[in-house]
Amino acid sequence: MTLRLIIILYLILHILLCILVYVGIRTRVLKFSEQLFPIIAMVPVAGMAAAVAAEIMSRFRKGGKKEMSLEELHMAEDVRLQRLEESEGDSMVVPLEEALSVNDAKTRRQLMLEILHQNPGAYVELLQQARMDDDIEVTHYASTAMMELQRDFEINLQRAEQEYEKQPDQPEKLDRCLYCLRKYIDSGLIEESILFVYRTRYAELLQKKLEQEPENMQACQYAVDNYLGLSNYREAKFLADRMQNRWPDREESWLSTLKVCQQMNDAEGIRRVLRKVKRGNVYLSPAGREAIAFWDTEERGKNHE
């Protein structure tokens, strides 16, 4: 049997398996999300392995999903305001939450449709909550809006991946691919059972970016955050230390290290970072000063005395 014949048979088998997987997803025999199908089709062996892992996690871990009643969506005013401050450009989050809280179904439906029609991408978390609403039309619209958002992210990502595969030596193609992956991961639309697959791919592309541009501090910062998302603390710490050595006067280096120490529950590491920042010539933005002040319990103790 020639190598060419083996390759042809392998491709035929792969196509048949892809068809079976697609049919299984559409008929809901397979429980994992159809978000994973492009990876299954484009990456023959690893894609199928990821499908098996996602199916196991979907069946036995349920992806961390939990139905919520409308009453559980009502937040206390202080929590609502805190979320508003922490969100980027969420000037309409409170109206949308209140739209969900209105008792009259017709009014609630009208308010929600008007608000979400403008920019549904800004309200993914609330869309997820709205899918559990008692009003069938509200849940239908929320589900449809989330499906449309997912479809747009996946189409953009597929296009970026295809362009990158055609021209892997073009930096802008890699940057576009990284951008689409980062936005999709940060959107909150990817199920927990397959988020690992996307983060792993993101880590691989960030590694290539850093090989091409070792002095790219932002890529290094993104890589630290992504490794923390993968719970790969060893790589996250390695890159955070690298940032300290290369950019000791930049706040990003120290804030990334603080994140790593926080997730590793390294109290001594946090104190060490605070001492170095105080001794060093580090420019801190207002947000940076706020982050440092949050961890500087010693300084807060002095202020209270």
C-alpha atoms as a PDB file:
ATOM      1  CA  MET A   1       0.000   0.000   0.000  1.00  0.00           C
ATOM      2  CA  THR A   2       1.544   3.304  -1.118  1.00  0.00           C
ATOM      3  CA  LEU A   3       1.779   6.376   1.072  1.00  0.00           C
ATOM      4  CA  ARG A   4      -0.541   8.255  -1.257  1.00  0.00           C
ATOM      5  CA  LEU A   5      -3.240   5.588  -0.895  1.00  0.00           C
ATOM      6  CA  ILE A   6      -2.886   5.650   2.905  1.00  0.00           C
ATOM      7  CA  ILE A   7      -3.336   9.424   2.937  1.00  0.00           C
ATOM      8  CA  ILE A   8      -6.422   9.191   0.704  1.00  0.00           C
ATOM      9  CA  LEU A   9      -7.987   6.507   2.912  1.00  0.00           C
ATOM     10  CA  TYR A  10      -7.188   8.540   6.019  1.00  0.00           C
ATOM     11  CA  LEU A  11      -8.830  11.657   4.573  1.00  0.00           C
ATOM     12  CA  ILE A  12     -11.937   9.669   3.576  1.00  0.00           C
ATOM     13  CA  LEU A  13     -12.152   8.234   7.103  1.00  0.00           C
ATOM     14  CA  HIS A  14     -11.709  11.696   8.607  1.00  0.00           C
ATOM     15  CA  ILE A  15     -14.468  13.152   6.417  1.00  0.00           C
ATOM     16  CA  LEU A  16     -16.828  10.322   7.373  1.00  0.00           C
ATOM     17  CA  LEU A  17     -16.084  10.853  11.067  1.00  0.00           C
ATOM     18  CA  CYS A  18     -16.675  14.593  10.676  1.00  0.00           C
ATOM     19  CA  ILE A  19     -20.046  13.919   9.051  1.00  0.00           C
ATOM     20  CA  LEU A  20     -21.017  11.563  11.886  1.00  0.00           C
ATOM     21  CA  VAL A  21     -19.905  14.082  14.508  1.00  0.00           C
ATOM     22  CA  TYR A  22     -21.823  16.893  12.798  1.00  0.00           C
ATOM     23  CA  VAL A  23     -24.992  14.804  12.629  1.00  0.00           C
ATOM     24  CA  GLY A  24     -24.497  13.843  16.291  1.00  0.00           C
ATOM     25  CA  ILE A  25     -24.197  17.484  17.293  1.00  0.00           C
ATOM     26  CA  ARG A  26     -27.258  18.596  15.321  1.00  0.00           C
ATOM     27  CA  THR A  27     -29.414  15.752  16.666  1.00  0.00           C
ATOM     28  CA  ARG A  28     -28.065  16.380  20.212  1.00  0.00           C
ATOM     29  CA  VAL A  29     -26.824  12.800  20.519  1.00  0.00           C
ATOM     30  CA  LEU A  30     -23.460  14.372  21.285  1.00  0.00           C
ATOM     31  CA  LYS A  31     -23.672  16.825  24.175  1.00  0.00           C
ATOM     32  CA  PHE A  32     -20.711  19.120  23.540  1.00  0.00           C
ATOM     33  CA  SER A  33     -21.140  22.457  21.768  1.00  0.00           C
ATOM     34  CA  GLU A  34     -20.989  22.833  17.983  1.00  0.00           C
ATOM     35  CA  GLN A  35     -18.388  25.577  18.620  1.00  0.00           C
ATOM     36  CA  LEU A  36     -15.821  22.765  18.626  1.00  0.00           C
ATOM     37  CA  PHE A  37     -16.701  21.403  15.178  1.00  0.00           C
ATOM     38  CA  PRO A  38     -14.379  23.730  13.156  1.00  0.00           C
ATOM     39  CA  ILE A  39     -11.419  22.498  15.224  1.00  0.00           C
ATOM     40  CA  ILE A  40     -12.485  18.855  14.728  1.00  0.00           C
ATOM     41  CA  ALA A  41     -12.662  19.365  10.959  1.00  0.00           C
ATOM     42  CA  MET A  42      -9.451  21.391  10.600  1.00  0.00           C
ATOM     43  CA  VAL A  43      -7.210  19.451  13.010  1.00  0.00           C
ATOM     44  CA  PRO A  44      -7.795  15.740  12.253  1.00  0.00           C
ATOM     45  CA  VAL A  45      -6.251  13.838  15.177  1.00  0.00           C
ATOM     46  CA  ALA A  46      -6.135  16.481  17.918  1.00  0.00           C
ATOM     47  CA  GLY A  47      -9.619  17.690  16.963  1.00  0.00           C
ATOM     48  CA  MET A  48     -11.161  14.262  17.497  1.00  0.00           C
ATOM     49  CA  ALA A  49      -9.304  13.893  20.782  1.00  0.00           C
ATOM     50  CA  ALA A  50     -10.658  17.269  21.903  1.00  0.00           C
ATOM     51  CA  ALA A  51     -14.165  16.140  20.886  1.00  0.00           C
ATOM     52  CA  VAL A  52     -13.890  13.043  23.068  1.00  0.00           C
ATOM     53  CA  ALA A  53     -12.646  15.117  26.030  1.00  0.00           C
ATOM     54  CA  ALA A  54     -15.401  17.727  25.525  1.00  0.00           C
ATOM     55  CA  GLU A  55     -18.075  15.019  25.317  1.00  0.00           C
ATOM     56  CA  ILE A  56     -16.906  13.467  28.591  1.00  0.00           C
ATOM     57  CA  MET A  57     -16.826  16.855  30.329  1.00  0.00           C
ATOM     58  CA  SER A  58     -20.228  17.845  28.923  1.00  0.00           C
ATOM     59  CA  ARG A  59     -21.875  14.640  30.147  1.00  0.00           C
ATOM     60  CA  PHE A  60     -20.318  14.438  33.589  1.00  0.00           C
ATOM     61  CA  ARG A  61     -19.491  18.039  34.538  1.00  0.00           C
ATOM     62  CA  LYS A  62     -22.352  19.817  32.744  1.00  0.00           C
ATOM     63  CA  GLY A  63     -20.083  22.775  31.895  1.00  0.00           C
ATOM     64  CA  GLY A  64     -20.935  24.553  35.159  1.00  0.00           C
ATOM     65  CA  LYS A  65     -24.426  25.510  33.961  1.00  0.00           C
ATOM     66  CA  LYS A  66     -27.159  26.236  36.447  1.00  0.00           C
ATOM     67  CA  GLU A  67     -30.696  27.423  35.846  1.00  0.00           C
ATOM     68  CA  MET A  68     -31.686  30.593  37.656  1.00  0.00           C
ATOM     69  CA  SER A  69     -35.079  31.959  38.543  1.00  0.00           C
ATOM     70  CA  LEU A  70     -35.934  35.555  37.818  1.00  0.00           C
ATOM     71  CA  GLU A  71     -35.812  36.367  41.527  1.00  0.00           C
ATOM     72  CA  GLU A  72     -32.179  35.239  41.659  1.00  0.00           C
ATOM     73  CA  LEU A  73     -31.314  37.816  39.026  1.00  0.00           C
ATOM     74  CA  HIS A  74     -32.299  40.715  41.282  1.00  0.00           C
ATOM     75  CA  MET A  75     -29.088  42.136  42.713  1.00  0.00           C
ATOM     76  CA  ALA A  76     -28.670  44.425  45.689  1.00  0.00           C
ATOM     77  CA  GLU A  77     -27.973  48.042  44.748  1.00  0.00           C
ATOM     78  CA  ASP A  78     -24.389  48.044  46.020  1.00  0.00           C
ATOM     79  CA  VAL A  79     -23.495  44.922  44.018  1.00  0.00           C
ATOM     80  CA  ARG A  80     -25.100  46.417  40.932  1.00  0.00           C
ATOM     81  CA  LEU A  81     -23.106  49.626  41.246  1.00  0.00           C
ATOM     82  CA  GLN A  82     -19.901  47.688  41.855  1.00  0.00           C
ATOM     83  CA  ARG A  83     -20.415  45.711  38.658  1.00  0.00           C
ATOM     84  CA  LEU A  84     -21.151  48.916  36.802  1.00  0.00           C
ATOM     85  CA  GLU A  85     -17.846  50.426  37.913  1.00  0.00           C
ATOM     86  CA  GLU A  86     -15.850  47.316  37.017  1.00  0.00           C
ATOM     87  CA  SER A  87     -17.322  46.917  33.522  1.00  0.00           C
ATOM     88  CA  GLU A  88     -15.973  48.648  30.421  1.00  0.00           C
ATOM     89  CA  GLY A  89     -18.465  50.962  28.811  1.00  0.00           C
ATOM     90  CA  ASP A  90     -21.472  49.265  30.409  1.00  0.00           C
ATOM     91  CA  SER A  91     -23.519  52.448  30.546  1.00  0.00           C
ATOM     92  CA  MET A  92     -26.699  50.446  29.871  1.00  0.00           C
ATOM     93  CA  VAL A  93     -26.153  47.418  32.119  1.00  0.00           C
ATOM     94  CA  VAL A  94     -28.398  48.703  34.906  1.00  0.00           C
ATOM     95  CA  PRO A  95     -31.330  49.435  32.524  1.00  0.00           C
ATOM     96  CA  LEU A  96     -31.006  45.925  31.086  1.00  0.00           C
ATOM     97  CA  GLU A  97     -31.003  44.353  34.543  1.00  0.00           C
ATOM     98  CA  GLU A  98     -34.030  46.407  35.449  1.00  0.00           C
ATOM     99  CA  ALA A  99     -35.715  45.346  32.216  1.00  0.00           C
ATOM    100  CA  LEU A 100     -35.315  41.751  33.388  1.00  0.00           C
ATOM    101  CA  SER A 101     -36.783  42.689  36.768  1.00  0.00           C
ATOM    102  CA  VAL A 102     -39.973  44.329  35.503  1.00  0.00           C
ATOM    103  CA  ASN A 103     -42.996  42.276  36.547  1.00  0.00           C
ATOM    104  CA  ASP A 104     -45.150  43.053  33.504  1.00  0.00           C
ATOM    105  CA  ALA A 105     -44.144  40.566  30.774  1.00  0.00           C
ATOM    106  CA  LYS A 106     -45.048  42.824  27.853  1.00  0.00           C
ATOM    107  CA  THR A 107     -43.131  45.814  29.234  1.00  0.00           C
ATOM    108  CA  ARG A 108     -40.138  43.641  30.156  1.00  0.00           C
ATOM    109  CA  ARG A 109     -40.063  42.147  26.665  1.00  0.00           C
ATOM    110  CA  GLN A 110     -40.269  45.545  24.961  1.00  0.00           C
ATOM    111  CA  LEU A 111     -37.552  47.118  27.135  1.00  0.00           C
ATOM    112  CA  MET A 112     -35.210  44.198  26.708  1.00  0.00           C
ATOM    113  CA  LEU A 113     -35.612  43.988  22.937  1.00  0.00           C
ATOM    114  CA  GLU A 114     -35.006  47.720  22.541  1.00  0.00           C
ATOM    115  CA  ILE A 115     -31.842  47.640  24.651  1.00  0.00           C
ATOM    116  CA  LEU A 116     -30.346  44.449  23.222  1.00  0.00           C
ATOM    117  CA  HIS A 117     -31.061  45.497  19.648  1.00  0.00           C
ATOM    118  CA  GLN A 118     -28.394  48.192  19.990  1.00  0.00           C
ATOM    119  CA  ASN A 119     -25.417  46.085  21.133  1.00  0.00           C
ATOM    120  CA  PRO A 120     -26.068  42.515  22.373  1.00  0.00           C
ATOM    121  CA  GLY A 121     -22.321  41.797  22.556  1.00  0.00           C
ATOM    122  CA  ALA A 122     -22.032  44.073  25.590  1.00  0.00           C
ATOM    123  CA  TYR A 123     -24.464  41.979  27.642  1.00  0.00           C
ATOM    124  CA  VAL A 124     -23.382  38.348  27.295  1.00  0.00           C
ATOM    125  CA  GLU A 125     -23.697  37.586  31.011  1.00  0.00           C
ATOM    126  CA  LEU A 126     -27.175  39.093  31.153  1.00  0.00           C
ATOM    127  CA  LEU A 127     -28.177  37.275  27.969  1.00  0.00           C
ATOM    128  CA  GLN A 128     -27.222  34.033  29.669  1.00  0.00           C
ATOM    129  CA  GLN A 129     -29.455  34.973  32.579  1.00  0.00           C
ATOM    130  CA  ALA A 130     -32.271  36.059  30.260  1.00  0.00           C
ATOM    131  CA  ARG A 131     -32.307  32.575  28.704  1.00  0.00           C
ATOM    132  CA  MET A 132     -33.755  31.346  32.011  1.00  0.00           C
ATOM    133  CA  ASP A 133     -36.548  33.958  32.058  1.00  0.00           C
ATOM    134  CA  ASP A 134     -40.171  32.842  32.432  1.00  0.00           C
ATOM    135  CA  ASP A 135     -41.191  34.736  29.292  1.00  0.00           C
ATOM    136  CA  ILE A 136     -40.815  32.456  26.249  1.00  0.00           C
ATOM    137  CA  GLU A 137     -40.216  35.356  23.844  1.00  0.00           C
ATOM    138  CA  VAL A 138     -37.479  36.804  26.056  1.00  0.00           C
ATOM    139  CA  THR A 139     -35.712  33.449  26.338  1.00  0.00           C
ATOM    140  CA  HIS A 140     -36.065  32.890  22.592  1.00  0.00           C
ATOM    141  CA  TYR A 141     -34.572  36.275  21.752  1.00  0.00           C
ATOM    142  CA  ALA A 142     -31.728  35.858  24.250  1.00  0.00           C
ATOM    143  CA  SER A 143     -30.889  32.403  22.861  1.00  0.00           C
ATOM    144  CA  THR A 144     -31.046  33.672  19.284  1.00  0.00           C
ATOM    145  CA  ALA A 145     -28.861  36.681  20.106  1.00  0.00           C
ATOM    146  CA  MET A 146     -26.237  34.458  21.729  1.00  0.00           C
ATOM    147  CA  MET A 147     -26.250  32.066  18.770  1.00  0.00           C
ATOM    148  CA  GLU A 148     -25.748  34.988  16.393  1.00  0.00           C
ATOM    149  CA  LEU A 149     -22.880  36.333  18.484  1.00  0.00           C
ATOM    150  CA  GLN A 150     -21.224  32.911  18.583  1.00  0.00           C
ATOM    151  CA  ARG A 151     -21.663  32.504  14.845  1.00  0.00           C
ATOM    152  CA  ASP A 152     -20.028  35.890  14.174  1.00  0.00           C
ATOM    153  CA  PHE A 153     -17.082  35.093  16.452  1.00  0.00           C
ATOM    154  CA  GLU A 154     -16.592  31.675  14.864  1.00  0.00           C
ATOM    155  CA  ILE A 155     -16.784  33.004  11.301  1.00  0.00           C
ATOM    156  CA  ASN A 156     -14.247  35.747  12.055  1.00  0.00           C
ATOM    157  CA  LEU A 157     -11.965  33.253  13.783  1.00  0.00           C
ATOM    158  CA  GLN A 158     -12.173  30.727  10.935  1.00  0.00           C
ATOM    159  CA  ARG A 159     -11.344  33.408   8.375  1.00  0.00           C
ATOM    160  CA  ALA A 160      -8.414  34.625  10.447  1.00  0.00           C
ATOM    161  CA  GLU A 161      -7.103  31.058  10.904  1.00  0.00           C
ATOM    162  CA  GLN A 162      -7.394  30.330   7.172  1.00  0.00           C
ATOM    163  CA  GLU A 163      -5.591  33.547   6.221  1.00  0.00           C
ATOM    164  CA  TYR A 164      -2.854  32.801   8.746  1.00  0.00           C
ATOM    165  CA  GLU A 165      -2.390  29.259   7.407  1.00  0.00           C
ATOM    166  CA  LYS A 166      -1.983  30.645   3.898  1.00  0.00           C
ATOM    167  CA  GLN A 167       0.520  33.325   4.959  1.00  0.00           C
ATOM    168  CA  PRO A 168       2.092  32.265   8.296  1.00  0.00           C
ATOM    169  CA  ASP A 169       5.067  34.579   7.725  1.00  0.00           C
ATOM    170  CA  GLN A 170       2.892  37.693   7.646  1.00  0.00           C
ATOM    171  CA  PRO A 171       2.813  39.283  11.138  1.00  0.00           C
ATOM    172  CA  GLU A 172      -0.529  40.982  10.515  1.00  0.00           C
ATOM    173  CA  LYS A 173      -2.174  37.600   9.824  1.00  0.00           C
ATOM    174  CA  LEU A 174      -0.938  36.251  13.153  1.00  0.00           C
ATOM    175  CA  ASP A 175      -2.061  39.435  14.911  1.00  0.00           C
ATOM    176  CA  ARG A 176      -5.545  39.122  13.423  1.00  0.00           C
ATOM    177  CA  CYS A 177      -5.775  35.505  14.525  1.00  0.00           C
ATOM    178  CA  LEU A 178      -4.667  36.399  18.051  1.00  0.00           C
ATOM    179  CA  TYR A 179      -7.151  39.264  18.205  1.00  0.00           C
ATOM    180  CA  CYS A 180     -10.102  37.081  17.147  1.00  0.00           C
ATOM    181  CA  LEU A 181      -9.165  34.344  19.623  1.00  0.00           C
ATOM    182  CA  ARG A 182      -8.704  36.798  22.484  1.00  0.00           C
ATOM    183  CA  LYS A 183     -12.041  38.497  21.833  1.00  0.00           C
ATOM    184  CA  TYR A 184     -13.852  35.161  21.607  1.00  0.00           C
ATOM    185  CA  ILE A 185     -12.256  33.845  24.803  1.00  0.00           C
ATOM    186  CA  ASP A 186     -13.028  37.072  26.683  1.00  0.00           C
ATOM    187  CA  SER A 187     -16.617  37.182  25.406  1.00  0.00           C
ATOM    188  CA  GLY A 188     -17.869  34.573  27.883  1.00  0.00           C
ATOM    189  CA  LEU A 189     -19.677  32.716  25.086  1.00  0.00           C
ATOM    190  CA  ILE A 190     -17.452  29.628  25.018  1.00  0.00           C
ATOM    191  CA  GLU A 191     -18.604  26.727  27.165  1.00  0.00           C
ATOM    192  CA  GLU A 192     -16.263  25.724  29.981  1.00  0.00           C
ATOM    193  CA  SER A 193     -16.003  22.206  28.567  1.00  0.00           C
ATOM    194  CA  ILE A 194     -14.184  23.452  25.439  1.00  0.00           C
ATOM    195  CA  LEU A 195     -12.653  26.727  26.638  1.00  0.00           C
ATOM    196  CA  PHE A 196      -9.433  24.813  27.358  1.00  0.00           C
ATOM    197  CA  VAL A 197      -9.087  23.985  23.637  1.00  0.00           C
ATOM    198  CA  TYR A 198      -9.315  27.638  22.589  1.00  0.00           C
ATOM    199  CA  ARG A 199      -6.964  28.801  25.333  1.00  0.00           C
ATOM    200  CA  THR A 200      -4.425  26.157  24.328  1.00  0.00           C
ATOM    201  CA  ARG A 201      -4.548  27.316  20.712  1.00  0.00           C
ATOM    202  CA  TYR A 202      -4.209  30.917  21.900  1.00  0.00           C
ATOM    203  CA  ALA A 203      -1.150  29.959  23.961  1.00  0.00           C
ATOM    204  CA  GLU A 204       0.466  28.338  20.911  1.00  0.00           C
ATOM    205  CA  LEU A 205      -0.054  31.429  18.763  1.00  0.00           C
ATOM    206  CA  LEU A 206       1.179  33.764  21.510  1.00  0.00           C
ATOM    207  CA  GLN A 207       4.316  31.646  21.767  1.00  0.00           C
ATOM    208  CA  LYS A 208       4.901  32.132  18.029  1.00  0.00           C
ATOM    209  CA  LYS A 209       4.303  35.861  18.447  1.00  0.00           C
ATOM    210  CA  LEU A 210       6.913  36.045  21.209  1.00  0.00           C
ATOM    211  CA  GLU A 211       9.373  34.052  19.121  1.00  0.00           C
ATOM    212  CA  GLN A 212       8.978  36.626  16.347  1.00  0.00           C
ATOM    213  CA  GLU A 213       8.894  39.641  18.672  1.00  0.00           C
ATOM    214  CA  PRO A 214      10.561  38.823  22.017  1.00  0.00           C
ATOM    215  CA  GLU A 215      10.364  42.495  23.034  1.00  0.00           C
ATOM    216  CA  ASN A 216       6.587  42.673  22.649  1.00  0.00           C
ATOM    217  CA  MET A 217       5.511  43.390  26.223  1.00  0.00           C
ATOM    218  CA  GLN A 218       1.785  43.327  25.488  1.00  0.00           C
ATOM    219  CA  ALA A 219       1.984  39.832  23.965  1.00  0.00           C
ATOM    220  CA  CYS A 220       3.903  38.718  27.035  1.00  0.00           C
ATOM    221  CA  GLN A 221       1.200  40.182  29.277  1.00  0.00           C
ATOM    222  CA  TYR A 222      -1.550  38.429  27.287  1.00  0.00           C
ATOM    223  CA  ALA A 223       0.381  35.167  27.573  1.00  0.00           C
ATOM    224  CA  VAL A 224       0.619  35.478  31.373  1.00  0.00           C
ATOM    225  CA  ASP A 225      -3.142  36.047  31.636  1.00  0.00           C
ATOM    226  CA  ASN A 226      -3.875  33.119  29.335  1.00  0.00           C
ATOM    227  CA  TYR A 227      -1.602  30.720  31.235  1.00  0.00           C
ATOM    228  CA  LEU A 228      -3.384  31.749  34.419  1.00  0.00           C
ATOM    229  CA  GLY A 229      -6.669  30.922  32.679  1.00  0.00           C
ATOM    230  CA  LEU A 230      -5.207  27.486  31.896  1.00  0.00           C
ATOM    231  CA  SER A 231      -4.004  27.159  35.527  1.00  0.00           C
ATOM    232  CA  ASN A 232      -0.475  26.733  34.148  1.00  0.00           C
ATOM    233  CA  TYR A 233       1.205  28.660  36.939  1.00  0.00           C
ATOM    234  CA  ARG A 234       4.723  27.549  36.062  1.00  0.00           C
ATOM    235  CA  GLU A 235       4.631  29.165  32.604  1.00  0.00           C
ATOM    236  CA  ALA A 236       2.761  32.202  33.925  1.00  0.00           C
ATOM    237  CA  LYS A 237       5.416  32.785  36.594  1.00  0.00           C
ATOM    238  CA  PHE A 238       8.229  32.250  34.088  1.00  0.00           C
ATOM    239  CA  LEU A 239       6.838  34.934  31.787  1.00  0.00           C
ATOM    240  CA  ALA A 240       6.057  37.320  34.651  1.00  0.00           C
ATOM    241  CA  ASP A 241       9.666  37.019  35.846  1.00  0.00           C
ATOM    242  CA  ARG A 242      10.817  37.622  32.290  1.00  0.00           C
ATOM    243  CA  MET A 243       8.738  40.799  32.175  1.00  0.00           C
ATOM    244  CA  GLN A 244      10.325  42.020  35.416  1.00  0.00           C
ATOM    245  CA  ASN A 245      13.807  41.493  34.004  1.00  0.00           C
ATOM    246  CA  ARG A 246      13.113  43.127  30.642  1.00  0.00           C
ATOM    247  CA  TRP A 247      10.820  45.957  31.721  1.00  0.00           C
ATOM    248  CA  PRO A 248      11.547  46.639  35.420  1.00  0.00           C
ATOM    249  CA  ASP A 249      10.279  50.230  35.190  1.00  0.00           C
ATOM    250  CA  ARG A 250       6.883  49.340  33.695  1.00  0.00           C
ATOM    251  CA  GLU A 251       3.856  48.760  35.873  1.00  0.00           C
ATOM    252  CA  GLU A 252       2.588  45.976  33.593  1.00  0.00           C
ATOM    253  CA  SER A 253       5.486  43.757  34.698  1.00  0.00           C
ATOM    254  CA  TRP A 254       4.650  44.082  38.380  1.00  0.00           C
ATOM    255  CA  LEU A 255       0.890  43.908  37.978  1.00  0.00           C
ATOM    256  CA  SER A 256       1.261  40.672  35.989  1.00  0.00           C
ATOM    257  CA  THR A 257       3.442  39.271  38.758  1.00  0.00           C
ATOM    258  CA  LEU A 258       0.825  40.276  41.345  1.00  0.00           C
ATOM    259  CA  LYS A 259      -1.820  38.349  39.384  1.00  0.00           C
ATOM    260  CA  VAL A 260       0.376  35.263  39.368  1.00  0.00           C
ATOM    261  CA  CYS A 261       1.094  35.538  43.096  1.00  0.00           C
ATOM    262  CA  GLN A 262      -2.603  36.058  43.811  1.00  0.00           C
ATOM    263  CA  GLN A 263      -3.699  32.922  41.955  1.00  0.00           C
ATOM    264  CA  MET A 264      -0.861  30.902  43.488  1.00  0.00           C
ATOM    265  CA  ASN A 265      -1.816  32.179  46.979  1.00  0.00           C
ATOM    266  CA  ASP A 266       1.756  33.407  47.356  1.00  0.00           C
ATOM    267  CA  ALA A 267       1.480  36.046  50.106  1.00  0.00           C
ATOM    268  CA  GLU A 268       5.248  36.410  50.440  1.00  0.00           C
ATOM    269  CA  GLY A 269       5.539  36.922  46.686  1.00  0.00           C
ATOM    270  CA  ILE A 270       2.992  39.741  46.866  1.00  0.00           C
ATOM    271  CA  ARG A 271       4.923  41.420  49.680  1.00  0.00           C
ATOM    272  CA  ARG A 272       8.143  41.035  47.682  1.00  0.00           C
ATOM    273  CA  VAL A 273       6.595  42.724  44.648  1.00  0.00           C
ATOM    274  CA  LEU A 274       5.292  45.607  46.773  1.00  0.00           C
ATOM    275  CA  ARG A 275       8.756  46.180  48.273  1.00  0.00           C
ATOM    276  CA  LYS A 276      10.393  46.212  44.830  1.00  0.00           C
ATOM    277  CA  VAL A 277       7.825  48.626  43.422  1.00  0.00           C
ATOM    278  CA  LYS A 278       8.348  51.011  46.332  1.00  0.00           C
ATOM    279  CA  ARG A 279      12.136  50.878  45.962  1.00  0.00           C
ATOM    280  CA  GLY A 280      12.173  51.028  42.165  1.00  0.00           C
ATOM    281  CA  ASN A 281      11.533  53.836  39.736  1.00  0.00           C
ATOM    282  CA  VAL A 282       8.202  52.490  38.512  1.00  0.00           C
ATOM    283  CA  TYR A 283       5.648  54.834  36.972  1.00  0.00           C
ATOM    284  CA  LEU A 284       2.162  53.873  38.127  1.00  0.00           C
ATOM    285  CA  SER A 285      -1.016  54.948  36.385  1.00  0.00           C
ATOM    286  CA  PRO A 286      -4.104  55.678  38.537  1.00  0.00           C
ATOM    287  CA  ALA A 287      -5.288  52.107  37.940  1.00  0.00           C
ATOM    288  CA  GLY A 288      -1.835  50.785  38.824  1.00  0.00           C
ATOM    289  CA  ARG A 289      -1.713  52.796  42.048  1.00  0.00           C
ATOM    290  CA  GLU A 290      -5.146  51.501  42.969  1.00  0.00           C
ATOM    291  CA  ALA A 291      -4.070  47.887  42.381  1.00  0.00           C
ATOM    292  CA  ILE A 292      -0.890  48.329  44.431  1.00  0.00           C
ATOM    293  CA  ALA A 293      -2.811  50.067  47.233  1.00  0.00           C
ATOM    294  CA  PHE A 294      -5.279  47.191  47.345  1.00  0.00           C
ATOM    295  CA  TRP A 295      -2.503  44.734  48.230  1.00  0.00           C
ATOM    296  CA  ASP A 296      -0.457  47.095  50.401  1.00  0.00           C
ATOM    297  CA  THR A 297      -1.992  46.137  53.757  1.00  0.00           C
ATOM    298  CA  GLU A 298       1.020  47.544  55.608  1.00  0.00           C
ATOM    299  CA  GLU A 299       0.473  51.021  54.167  1.00  0.00           C
ATOM    300  CA  ARG A 300      -3.259  50.840  54.863  1.00  0.00           C
ATOM    301  CA  GLY A 301      -2.480  49.927  58.468  1.00  0.00           C
ATOM    302  CA  LYS A 302      -0.313  53.034  58.834  1.00  0.00           C
ATOM    303  CA  ASN A 303      -3.056  55.231  57.405  1.00  0.00           C
ATOM    304  CA  HIS A 304      -5.556  53.898  59.945  1.00  0.00           C
ATOM    305  CA  GLU A 305      -3.280  54.620  62.898  1.00  0.00           C
END
